[in-house]
């Protein structure tokens, strides 16, 4: 047996994944097109997001918000710079690794809800668990828990077309949480909702971050919703212009 003055084991010197920030973005650049017609979506953006934080991302249309979210979520690749999510640098992952990241560690909520019309609310929430081949009992229990969490326990059998816009977005949030992701990325999640419903959805996101221990990066342009965030990042013409 090695004494206390001997070399430490490999496990002892490897930093635990939960010991640092959830997201680290370093000098990120992304352009589309080339030459004089190139669009510079991001121009050297850097920031960190701590674990358990809800960070709002604001900026006018075309400021680079969606590009940034797609890069952090592994849906796109930067031209330059580094992104680390939950201790993993994304540039070290191949396609299979990025797929696993999106499936197991990152949840996505979009403005358009993205629900499957022919499936019930419960079936929509259960899709990620089916893809992971979770056992039926585990899947059913997780789906019931999440629908209750978002206040839709009594609507499990209803299809998206039978639900209001706010209810559909709540189903989408529950689906995004199905595989217990470490990071939740939401791109204008209240963009198709009226002000009152949008505020209720944002308050739900706030509550979910607290109850599920999730970190959230949320793009929104609504000043009322920005007030619920722990911090606000503002993008302008591909640059980080404000960091509060």
C-alpha atoms as a PDB file:
ATOM      1  CA  UNK A   1       0.000   0.000   0.000  1.00  0.00           C
ATOM      2  CA  UNK A   2       1.342   3.454  -0.885  1.00  0.00           C
ATOM      3  CA  UNK A   3       1.968   5.678   2.126  1.00  0.00           C
ATOM      4  CA  UNK A   4       0.708   9.237   2.445  1.00  0.00           C
ATOM      5  CA  UNK A   5       3.954  10.673   1.103  1.00  0.00           C
ATOM      6  CA  UNK A   6       3.938   8.563  -2.046  1.00  0.00           C
ATOM      7  CA  UNK A   7       2.449   9.435  -5.430  1.00  0.00           C
ATOM      8  CA  UNK A   8      -1.264  10.135  -5.524  1.00  0.00           C
ATOM      9  CA  UNK A   9      -3.536   7.956  -7.626  1.00  0.00           C
ATOM     10  CA  UNK A  10      -4.741   9.176 -11.017  1.00  0.00           C
ATOM     11  CA  UNK A  11      -8.233   9.642  -9.575  1.00  0.00           C
ATOM     12  CA  UNK A  12      -6.838  11.944  -6.925  1.00  0.00           C
ATOM     13  CA  UNK A  13      -5.213  14.345  -9.365  1.00  0.00           C
ATOM     14  CA  UNK A  14      -7.959  14.512 -11.988  1.00  0.00           C
ATOM     15  CA  UNK A  15     -10.264  17.436 -11.346  1.00  0.00           C
ATOM     16  CA  UNK A  16     -13.828  16.372 -10.695  1.00  0.00           C
ATOM     17  CA  UNK A  17     -16.232  17.541 -13.413  1.00  0.00           C
ATOM     18  CA  UNK A  18     -18.371  19.429 -10.897  1.00  0.00           C
ATOM     19  CA  UNK A  19     -15.517  21.466  -9.402  1.00  0.00           C
ATOM     20  CA  UNK A  20     -15.363  24.234 -12.025  1.00  0.00           C
ATOM     21  CA  UNK A  21     -17.761  26.438 -14.035  1.00  0.00           C
ATOM     22  CA  UNK A  22     -20.448  24.731 -16.068  1.00  0.00           C
ATOM     23  CA  UNK A  23     -19.630  26.731 -19.215  1.00  0.00           C
ATOM     24  CA  UNK A  24     -16.367  28.388 -20.217  1.00  0.00           C
ATOM     25  CA  UNK A  25     -16.274  30.315 -23.508  1.00  0.00           C
ATOM     26  CA  UNK A  26     -12.891  31.661 -24.600  1.00  0.00           C
ATOM     27  CA  UNK A  27     -12.301  34.084 -27.495  1.00  0.00           C
ATOM     28  CA  UNK A  28     -15.092  32.614 -29.609  1.00  0.00           C
ATOM     29  CA  UNK A  29     -15.345  33.556 -33.306  1.00  0.00           C
ATOM     30  CA  UNK A  30     -17.924  32.443 -35.874  1.00  0.00           C
ATOM     31  CA  UNK A  31     -18.500  33.804 -39.382  1.00  0.00           C
ATOM     32  CA  UNK A  32     -20.767  32.758 -42.217  1.00  0.00           C
ATOM     33  CA  UNK A  33     -19.801  33.241 -45.847  1.00  0.00           C
ATOM     34  CA  UNK A  34     -16.507  34.679 -47.065  1.00  0.00           C
ATOM     35  CA  UNK A  35     -14.953  37.825 -48.431  1.00  0.00           C
ATOM     36  CA  UNK A  36     -16.805  41.114 -48.434  1.00  0.00           C
ATOM     37  CA  UNK A  37     -20.155  39.376 -47.934  1.00  0.00           C
ATOM     38  CA  UNK A  38     -19.075  37.464 -44.801  1.00  0.00           C
ATOM     39  CA  UNK A  39     -21.273  37.854 -41.719  1.00  0.00           C
ATOM     40  CA  UNK A  40     -19.273  37.941 -38.484  1.00  0.00           C
ATOM     41  CA  UNK A  41     -21.753  36.497 -35.997  1.00  0.00           C
ATOM     42  CA  UNK A  42     -19.308  36.348 -33.068  1.00  0.00           C
ATOM     43  CA  UNK A  43     -16.090  38.334 -32.663  1.00  0.00           C
ATOM     44  CA  UNK A  44     -13.990  37.100 -29.750  1.00  0.00           C
ATOM     45  CA  UNK A  45     -16.653  36.421 -27.105  1.00  0.00           C
ATOM     46  CA  UNK A  46     -15.498  35.164 -23.690  1.00  0.00           C
ATOM     47  CA  UNK A  47     -17.452  34.436 -20.476  1.00  0.00           C
ATOM     48  CA  UNK A  48     -18.149  31.764 -17.876  1.00  0.00           C
ATOM     49  CA  UNK A  49     -21.363  30.399 -16.382  1.00  0.00           C
ATOM     50  CA  UNK A  50     -21.224  28.979 -12.873  1.00  0.00           C
ATOM     51  CA  UNK A  51     -23.011  25.797 -11.861  1.00  0.00           C
ATOM     52  CA  UNK A  52     -26.594  26.382 -10.802  1.00  0.00           C
ATOM     53  CA  UNK A  53     -26.772  29.826 -12.422  1.00  0.00           C
ATOM     54  CA  UNK A  54     -29.509  31.124 -14.689  1.00  0.00           C
ATOM     55  CA  UNK A  55     -27.752  33.469 -17.105  1.00  0.00           C
ATOM     56  CA  UNK A  56     -29.806  35.525 -19.571  1.00  0.00           C
ATOM     57  CA  UNK A  57     -28.446  36.468 -22.966  1.00  0.00           C
ATOM     58  CA  UNK A  58     -29.889  39.609 -24.516  1.00  0.00           C
ATOM     59  CA  UNK A  59     -29.319  41.550 -27.716  1.00  0.00           C
ATOM     60  CA  UNK A  60     -31.090  42.715 -30.845  1.00  0.00           C
ATOM     61  CA  UNK A  61     -31.961  40.323 -33.663  1.00  0.00           C
ATOM     62  CA  UNK A  62     -28.756  39.448 -35.470  1.00  0.00           C
ATOM     63  CA  UNK A  63     -26.530  40.175 -32.477  1.00  0.00           C
ATOM     64  CA  UNK A  64     -25.277  36.569 -32.331  1.00  0.00           C
ATOM     65  CA  UNK A  65     -27.428  35.074 -29.548  1.00  0.00           C
ATOM     66  CA  UNK A  66     -28.635  31.996 -31.448  1.00  0.00           C
ATOM     67  CA  UNK A  67     -25.184  31.390 -32.926  1.00  0.00           C
ATOM     68  CA  UNK A  68     -23.690  31.452 -29.451  1.00  0.00           C
ATOM     69  CA  UNK A  69     -26.291  29.069 -28.036  1.00  0.00           C
ATOM     70  CA  UNK A  70     -25.799  26.645 -30.944  1.00  0.00           C
ATOM     71  CA  UNK A  71     -22.051  26.642 -30.369  1.00  0.00           C
ATOM     72  CA  UNK A  72     -22.309  26.087 -26.611  1.00  0.00           C
ATOM     73  CA  UNK A  73     -24.822  23.279 -27.190  1.00  0.00           C
ATOM     74  CA  UNK A  74     -22.585  21.505 -29.706  1.00  0.00           C
ATOM     75  CA  UNK A  75     -24.937  22.127 -32.633  1.00  0.00           C
ATOM     76  CA  UNK A  76     -22.316  24.162 -34.519  1.00  0.00           C
ATOM     77  CA  UNK A  77     -18.525  24.527 -34.560  1.00  0.00           C
ATOM     78  CA  UNK A  78     -16.625  27.800 -34.009  1.00  0.00           C
ATOM     79  CA  UNK A  79     -14.033  29.161 -36.421  1.00  0.00           C
ATOM     80  CA  UNK A  80     -11.734  29.900 -33.477  1.00  0.00           C
ATOM     81  CA  UNK A  81     -11.843  29.835 -29.693  1.00  0.00           C
ATOM     82  CA  UNK A  82     -12.683  27.204 -27.105  1.00  0.00           C
ATOM     83  CA  UNK A  83     -15.859  26.029 -25.387  1.00  0.00           C
ATOM     84  CA  UNK A  84     -15.870  23.837 -22.287  1.00  0.00           C
ATOM     85  CA  UNK A  85     -19.162  22.362 -21.041  1.00  0.00           C
ATOM     86  CA  UNK A  86     -19.332  20.430 -17.772  1.00  0.00           C
ATOM     87  CA  UNK A  87     -15.557  19.937 -17.794  1.00  0.00           C
ATOM     88  CA  UNK A  88     -15.337  18.754 -21.424  1.00  0.00           C
ATOM     89  CA  UNK A  89     -13.757  20.848 -24.175  1.00  0.00           C
ATOM     90  CA  UNK A  90     -16.054  20.469 -27.173  1.00  0.00           C
ATOM     91  CA  UNK A  91     -13.245  20.577 -29.740  1.00  0.00           C
ATOM     92  CA  UNK A  92     -11.979  17.240 -28.370  1.00  0.00           C
ATOM     93  CA  UNK A  93     -15.236  15.491 -29.245  1.00  0.00           C
ATOM     94  CA  UNK A  94     -16.033  13.826 -32.542  1.00  0.00           C
ATOM     95  CA  UNK A  95     -19.534  13.562 -33.954  1.00  0.00           C
ATOM     96  CA  UNK A  96     -20.413  10.654 -31.662  1.00  0.00           C
ATOM     97  CA  UNK A  97     -19.140  12.564 -28.655  1.00  0.00           C
ATOM     98  CA  UNK A  98     -21.127  15.670 -29.545  1.00  0.00           C
ATOM     99  CA  UNK A  99     -24.224  13.528 -30.047  1.00  0.00           C
ATOM    100  CA  UNK A 100     -23.738  12.005 -26.605  1.00  0.00           C
ATOM    101  CA  UNK A 101     -23.245  15.485 -25.119  1.00  0.00           C
ATOM    102  CA  UNK A 102     -26.506  16.737 -26.618  1.00  0.00           C
ATOM    103  CA  UNK A 103     -28.350  13.592 -25.591  1.00  0.00           C
ATOM    104  CA  UNK A 104     -27.096  13.209 -22.038  1.00  0.00           C
ATOM    105  CA  UNK A 105     -25.747  16.522 -20.727  1.00  0.00           C
ATOM    106  CA  UNK A 106     -27.497  19.369 -22.536  1.00  0.00           C
ATOM    107  CA  UNK A 107     -31.239  20.049 -22.792  1.00  0.00           C
ATOM    108  CA  UNK A 108     -32.693  22.383 -25.427  1.00  0.00           C
ATOM    109  CA  UNK A 109     -35.828  24.550 -25.374  1.00  0.00           C
ATOM    110  CA  UNK A 110     -36.730  26.447 -28.542  1.00  0.00           C
ATOM    111  CA  UNK A 111     -39.157  29.242 -29.370  1.00  0.00           C
ATOM    112  CA  UNK A 112     -41.142  26.945 -31.672  1.00  0.00           C
ATOM    113  CA  UNK A 113     -41.765  24.279 -28.955  1.00  0.00           C
ATOM    114  CA  UNK A 114     -40.800  21.463 -31.369  1.00  0.00           C
ATOM    115  CA  UNK A 115     -43.294  18.932 -30.030  1.00  0.00           C
ATOM    116  CA  UNK A 116     -44.417  15.917 -32.081  1.00  0.00           C
ATOM    117  CA  UNK A 117     -48.102  16.576 -32.916  1.00  0.00           C
ATOM    118  CA  UNK A 118     -49.297  12.955 -32.919  1.00  0.00           C
ATOM    119  CA  UNK A 119     -47.822  12.169 -29.498  1.00  0.00           C
ATOM    120  CA  UNK A 120     -49.371  12.980 -26.137  1.00  0.00           C
ATOM    121  CA  UNK A 121     -47.669  15.305 -23.679  1.00  0.00           C
ATOM    122  CA  UNK A 122     -46.345  12.300 -21.754  1.00  0.00           C
ATOM    123  CA  UNK A 123     -45.081  10.626 -24.918  1.00  0.00           C
ATOM    124  CA  UNK A 124     -43.316  13.809 -26.031  1.00  0.00           C
ATOM    125  CA  UNK A 125     -41.552  14.105 -22.681  1.00  0.00           C
ATOM    126  CA  UNK A 126     -40.585  10.435 -22.869  1.00  0.00           C
ATOM    127  CA  UNK A 127     -38.914  10.631 -26.296  1.00  0.00           C
ATOM    128  CA  UNK A 128     -35.373  11.336 -24.959  1.00  0.00           C
ATOM    129  CA  UNK A 129     -35.756   8.470 -22.486  1.00  0.00           C
ATOM    130  CA  UNK A 130     -36.786   6.092 -25.269  1.00  0.00           C
ATOM    131  CA  UNK A 131     -33.739   7.140 -27.291  1.00  0.00           C
ATOM    132  CA  UNK A 132     -31.613   6.308 -24.245  1.00  0.00           C
ATOM    133  CA  UNK A 133     -33.455   2.987 -23.955  1.00  0.00           C
ATOM    134  CA  UNK A 134     -34.519   3.663 -20.387  1.00  0.00           C
ATOM    135  CA  UNK A 135     -36.553   0.905 -18.760  1.00  0.00           C
ATOM    136  CA  UNK A 136     -40.332   1.433 -19.150  1.00  0.00           C
ATOM    137  CA  UNK A 137     -40.936   1.849 -15.410  1.00  0.00           C
ATOM    138  CA  UNK A 138     -38.068   4.332 -15.062  1.00  0.00           C
ATOM    139  CA  UNK A 139     -39.400   6.244 -18.077  1.00  0.00           C
ATOM    140  CA  UNK A 140     -42.945   6.392 -16.781  1.00  0.00           C
ATOM    141  CA  UNK A 141     -41.865   7.573 -13.336  1.00  0.00           C
ATOM    142  CA  UNK A 142     -39.565  10.270 -14.745  1.00  0.00           C
ATOM    143  CA  UNK A 143     -42.237  11.520 -17.166  1.00  0.00           C
ATOM    144  CA  UNK A 144     -44.853  11.716 -14.404  1.00  0.00           C
ATOM    145  CA  UNK A 145     -42.411  13.576 -12.136  1.00  0.00           C
ATOM    146  CA  UNK A 146     -41.522  16.129 -14.821  1.00  0.00           C
ATOM    147  CA  UNK A 147     -45.105  16.781 -15.891  1.00  0.00           C
ATOM    148  CA  UNK A 148     -45.977  17.387 -12.243  1.00  0.00           C
ATOM    149  CA  UNK A 149     -42.951  19.687 -11.928  1.00  0.00           C
ATOM    150  CA  UNK A 150     -44.174  21.884 -14.797  1.00  0.00           C
ATOM    151  CA  UNK A 151     -47.777  21.830 -13.565  1.00  0.00           C
ATOM    152  CA  UNK A 152     -49.200  19.546 -16.237  1.00  0.00           C
ATOM    153  CA  UNK A 153     -49.777  16.324 -14.345  1.00  0.00           C
ATOM    154  CA  UNK A 154     -53.432  16.364 -15.358  1.00  0.00           C
ATOM    155  CA  UNK A 155     -52.659  16.889 -19.056  1.00  0.00           C
ATOM    156  CA  UNK A 156     -50.429  13.867 -19.716  1.00  0.00           C
ATOM    157  CA  UNK A 157     -52.763  12.306 -22.290  1.00  0.00           C
ATOM    158  CA  UNK A 158     -53.399  15.472 -24.302  1.00  0.00           C
ATOM    159  CA  UNK A 159     -51.690  16.135 -27.612  1.00  0.00           C
ATOM    160  CA  UNK A 160     -49.947  19.448 -28.384  1.00  0.00           C
ATOM    161  CA  UNK A 161     -52.893  20.695 -30.450  1.00  0.00           C
ATOM    162  CA  UNK A 162     -55.130  20.375 -27.392  1.00  0.00           C
ATOM    163  CA  UNK A 163     -52.826  22.516 -25.238  1.00  0.00           C
ATOM    164  CA  UNK A 164     -52.292  26.275 -25.059  1.00  0.00           C
ATOM    165  CA  UNK A 165     -49.011  27.815 -26.171  1.00  0.00           C
ATOM    166  CA  UNK A 166     -47.832  28.168 -22.595  1.00  0.00           C
ATOM    167  CA  UNK A 167     -48.713  24.561 -21.836  1.00  0.00           C
ATOM    168  CA  UNK A 168     -46.863  23.371 -24.927  1.00  0.00           C
ATOM    169  CA  UNK A 169     -43.738  25.236 -23.841  1.00  0.00           C
ATOM    170  CA  UNK A 170     -44.037  23.652 -20.399  1.00  0.00           C
ATOM    171  CA  UNK A 171     -44.098  20.236 -22.077  1.00  0.00           C
ATOM    172  CA  UNK A 172     -41.008  21.248 -24.070  1.00  0.00           C
ATOM    173  CA  UNK A 173     -39.230  22.231 -20.846  1.00  0.00           C
ATOM    174  CA  UNK A 174     -40.166  18.913 -19.252  1.00  0.00           C
ATOM    175  CA  UNK A 175     -38.845  17.066 -22.317  1.00  0.00           C
ATOM    176  CA  UNK A 176     -35.582  19.027 -22.152  1.00  0.00           C
ATOM    177  CA  UNK A 177     -35.143  17.851 -18.559  1.00  0.00           C
ATOM    178  CA  UNK A 178     -35.943  14.191 -19.262  1.00  0.00           C
ATOM    179  CA  UNK A 179     -32.347  12.953 -19.229  1.00  0.00           C
ATOM    180  CA  UNK A 180     -31.366  15.117 -16.233  1.00  0.00           C
ATOM    181  CA  UNK A 181     -29.035  17.412 -18.209  1.00  0.00           C
ATOM    182  CA  UNK A 182     -26.395  19.491 -16.493  1.00  0.00           C
ATOM    183  CA  UNK A 183     -27.035  22.443 -18.809  1.00  0.00           C
ATOM    184  CA  UNK A 184     -30.327  23.804 -20.146  1.00  0.00           C
ATOM    185  CA  UNK A 185     -30.145  26.025 -23.245  1.00  0.00           C
ATOM    186  CA  UNK A 186     -33.259  28.025 -24.132  1.00  0.00           C
ATOM    187  CA  UNK A 187     -33.486  30.203 -27.249  1.00  0.00           C
ATOM    188  CA  UNK A 188     -36.270  32.812 -26.859  1.00  0.00           C
ATOM    189  CA  UNK A 189     -38.479  30.295 -25.018  1.00  0.00           C
ATOM    190  CA  UNK A 190     -41.229  32.889 -24.512  1.00  0.00           C
ATOM    191  CA  UNK A 191     -41.062  34.427 -27.989  1.00  0.00           C
ATOM    192  CA  UNK A 192     -44.423  33.004 -29.112  1.00  0.00           C
ATOM    193  CA  UNK A 193     -46.233  33.661 -25.840  1.00  0.00           C
ATOM    194  CA  UNK A 194     -48.112  36.646 -24.483  1.00  0.00           C
ATOM    195  CA  UNK A 195     -46.466  38.664 -21.719  1.00  0.00           C
ATOM    196  CA  UNK A 196     -48.297  37.030 -18.814  1.00  0.00           C
ATOM    197  CA  UNK A 197     -47.740  33.478 -20.062  1.00  0.00           C
ATOM    198  CA  UNK A 198     -44.138  34.274 -20.947  1.00  0.00           C
ATOM    199  CA  UNK A 199     -43.448  35.493 -17.440  1.00  0.00           C
ATOM    200  CA  UNK A 200     -45.011  32.312 -16.003  1.00  0.00           C
ATOM    201  CA  UNK A 201     -42.767  30.170 -18.217  1.00  0.00           C
ATOM    202  CA  UNK A 202     -39.667  32.140 -17.239  1.00  0.00           C
ATOM    203  CA  UNK A 203     -40.585  31.804 -13.561  1.00  0.00           C
ATOM    204  CA  UNK A 204     -40.921  28.075 -14.167  1.00  0.00           C
ATOM    205  CA  UNK A 205     -37.419  27.991 -15.647  1.00  0.00           C
ATOM    206  CA  UNK A 206     -36.164  29.832 -12.584  1.00  0.00           C
ATOM    207  CA  UNK A 207     -37.839  27.271 -10.313  1.00  0.00           C
ATOM    208  CA  UNK A 208     -36.512  24.351 -12.372  1.00  0.00           C
ATOM    209  CA  UNK A 209     -32.943  25.615 -12.075  1.00  0.00           C
ATOM    210  CA  UNK A 210     -33.372  25.616  -8.308  1.00  0.00           C
ATOM    211  CA  UNK A 211     -35.214  22.304  -7.912  1.00  0.00           C
ATOM    212  CA  UNK A 212     -33.301  20.227 -10.472  1.00  0.00           C
ATOM    213  CA  UNK A 213     -29.881  21.749  -9.860  1.00  0.00           C
ATOM    214  CA  UNK A 214     -29.597  22.693 -13.526  1.00  0.00           C
ATOM    215  CA  UNK A 215     -27.522  25.490 -15.046  1.00  0.00           C
ATOM    216  CA  UNK A 216     -29.421  27.547 -17.643  1.00  0.00           C
ATOM    217  CA  UNK A 217     -28.364  29.845 -20.480  1.00  0.00           C
ATOM    218  CA  UNK A 218     -31.453  31.625 -21.813  1.00  0.00           C
ATOM    219  CA  UNK A 219     -31.711  34.050 -24.736  1.00  0.00           C
ATOM    220  CA  UNK A 220     -34.522  36.578 -24.313  1.00  0.00           C
ATOM    221  CA  UNK A 221     -35.320  40.146 -25.298  1.00  0.00           C
ATOM    222  CA  UNK A 222     -38.022  40.729 -22.680  1.00  0.00           C
ATOM    223  CA  UNK A 223     -36.813  43.169 -19.956  1.00  0.00           C
ATOM    224  CA  UNK A 224     -39.295  41.734 -17.477  1.00  0.00           C
ATOM    225  CA  UNK A 225     -37.840  38.283 -17.914  1.00  0.00           C
ATOM    226  CA  UNK A 226     -34.247  39.492 -17.639  1.00  0.00           C
ATOM    227  CA  UNK A 227     -34.959  40.475 -14.048  1.00  0.00           C
ATOM    228  CA  UNK A 228     -35.339  36.806 -13.080  1.00  0.00           C
ATOM    229  CA  UNK A 229     -31.797  35.924 -14.166  1.00  0.00           C
ATOM    230  CA  UNK A 230     -28.780  35.725 -11.875  1.00  0.00           C
ATOM    231  CA  UNK A 231     -26.704  37.550 -14.487  1.00  0.00           C
ATOM    232  CA  UNK A 232     -27.240  39.159 -17.873  1.00  0.00           C
ATOM    233  CA  UNK A 233     -24.885  39.038 -20.855  1.00  0.00           C
ATOM    234  CA  UNK A 234     -25.547  41.463 -23.697  1.00  0.00           C
ATOM    235  CA  UNK A 235     -24.383  40.852 -27.254  1.00  0.00           C
ATOM    236  CA  UNK A 236     -24.080  43.541 -29.908  1.00  0.00           C
ATOM    237  CA  UNK A 237     -22.767  42.945 -33.430  1.00  0.00           C
ATOM    238  CA  UNK A 238     -21.093  39.738 -32.319  1.00  0.00           C
ATOM    239  CA  UNK A 239     -19.360  41.303 -29.306  1.00  0.00           C
ATOM    240  CA  UNK A 240     -20.060  40.989 -25.604  1.00  0.00           C
ATOM    241  CA  UNK A 241     -20.933  44.611 -24.815  1.00  0.00           C
ATOM    242  CA  UNK A 242     -22.289  44.247 -21.282  1.00  0.00           C
ATOM    243  CA  UNK A 243     -21.716  41.704 -18.534  1.00  0.00           C
ATOM    244  CA  UNK A 244     -23.722  42.247 -15.334  1.00  0.00           C
END
